[in-house]
Amino acid sequence: MLAEKITKKLQELKWTQADLVRKTGLASSHVSYLCSGERGSRVSLETLKKLSTAFNVPLDFFSDENSHLGEMTTSSAG
């Protein structure tokens, strides 16, 4: 689940959600939703790219056996 991957990475890096907001440029409410899992499984490719860059991980870090990056929405979500 995306929320679990984000929160685990935040813990590993000893970052707060506010740190992630600063490093990605995403709205704090968006980061909060991503971390809580309230957004569901559909996340924009733009958001994933920002997370990937901030965490210094490949895009496929956020995929799992139940999802495919090709199915992610390309709309801008924050």
Protein backbone atom coordinates (compact mmCIF):
# COMPACT_ATOMS: atom_id res chain seq x y z
CA MET A 1 0.00 0.00 0.00
CA LEU A 2 1.31 3.43 -0.94
CA ALA A 3 0.62 5.00 2.45
CA GLU A 4 2.68 2.33 4.20
CA LYS A 5 5.58 2.81 1.80
CA ILE A 6 5.56 6.57 2.29
CA THR A 7 5.35 6.43 6.08
CA LYS A 8 8.06 3.76 6.26
CA LYS A 9 10.35 5.88 4.08
CA LEU A 10 9.63 8.95 6.23
CA GLN A 11 10.61 6.96 9.32
CA GLU A 12 13.79 5.63 7.69
CA LEU A 13 14.87 9.15 6.73
CA LYS A 14 13.67 10.63 10.03
CA TRP A 15 11.51 13.08 8.09
CA THR A 16 8.21 14.59 9.07
CA GLN A 17 5.32 15.15 6.70
CA ALA A 18 6.35 18.82 6.70
CA ASP A 19 9.79 17.79 5.42
CA LEU A 20 8.13 15.87 2.60
CA VAL A 21 5.96 18.89 1.75
CA ARG A 22 9.07 21.08 1.46
CA LYS A 23 10.96 18.53 -0.64
CA THR A 24 8.10 17.73 -3.05
CA GLY A 25 6.19 20.99 -3.27
CA LEU A 26 2.97 19.06 -2.65
CA ALA A 27 0.25 20.62 -0.53
CA SER A 28 0.39 19.60 3.12
CA SER A 29 -3.19 18.30 2.90
CA HIS A 30 -2.19 16.12 -0.07
CA VAL A 31 0.77 14.64 1.82
CA SER A 32 -1.49 14.02 4.81
CA TYR A 33 -4.00 12.17 2.63
CA LEU A 34 -1.24 10.13 0.98
CA CYS A 35 0.18 9.13 4.36
CA SER A 36 -3.22 8.20 5.77
CA GLY A 37 -4.24 6.13 2.77
CA GLU A 38 -7.47 8.12 2.38
CA ARG A 39 -6.72 8.88 -1.28
CA GLY A 40 -7.13 5.27 -2.37
CA SER A 41 -4.90 3.60 -4.92
CA ARG A 42 -5.11 6.21 -7.71
CA VAL A 43 -2.25 8.70 -7.51
CA SER A 44 -1.05 10.93 -10.32
CA LEU A 45 2.18 10.10 -12.09
CA GLU A 46 3.35 13.64 -11.34
CA THR A 47 2.90 13.04 -7.61
CA LEU A 48 4.76 9.72 -7.81
CA LYS A 49 7.62 11.41 -9.64
CA LYS A 50 7.87 14.06 -6.92
CA LEU A 51 7.89 11.38 -4.22
CA SER A 52 10.44 9.33 -6.14
CA THR A 53 12.76 12.32 -6.47
CA ALA A 54 12.38 13.37 -2.84
CA PHE A 55 13.03 9.85 -1.53
CA ASN A 56 15.71 9.16 -4.14
CA VAL A 57 14.05 5.90 -5.18
CA PRO A 58 12.97 4.57 -8.58
CA LEU A 59 9.33 5.04 -9.59
CA ASP A 60 8.69 1.31 -9.31
CA PHE A 61 9.42 1.55 -5.57
CA PHE A 62 5.78 2.63 -5.27
CA SER A 63 4.33 -0.26 -7.27
CA ASP A 64 3.32 -3.62 -5.91
CA GLU A 65 2.07 -6.88 -7.30
CA ASN A 66 -1.51 -5.54 -7.31
CA SER A 67 -0.87 -2.32 -9.22
CA HIS A 68 0.91 -1.20 -12.34
CA LEU A 69 2.48 2.21 -12.82
CA GLY A 70 1.01 2.25 -16.32
CA GLU A 71 -2.45 2.35 -14.77
CA MET A 72 -1.70 5.44 -12.72
CA THR A 73 -3.57 8.56 -13.67
CA THR A 74 -1.61 11.27 -15.46
CA SER A 75 -3.76 14.11 -14.17
CA SER A 76 -2.13 16.70 -11.95
CA ALA A 77 -3.20 16.14 -8.36
CA GLY A 78 -1.09 18.48 -6.39
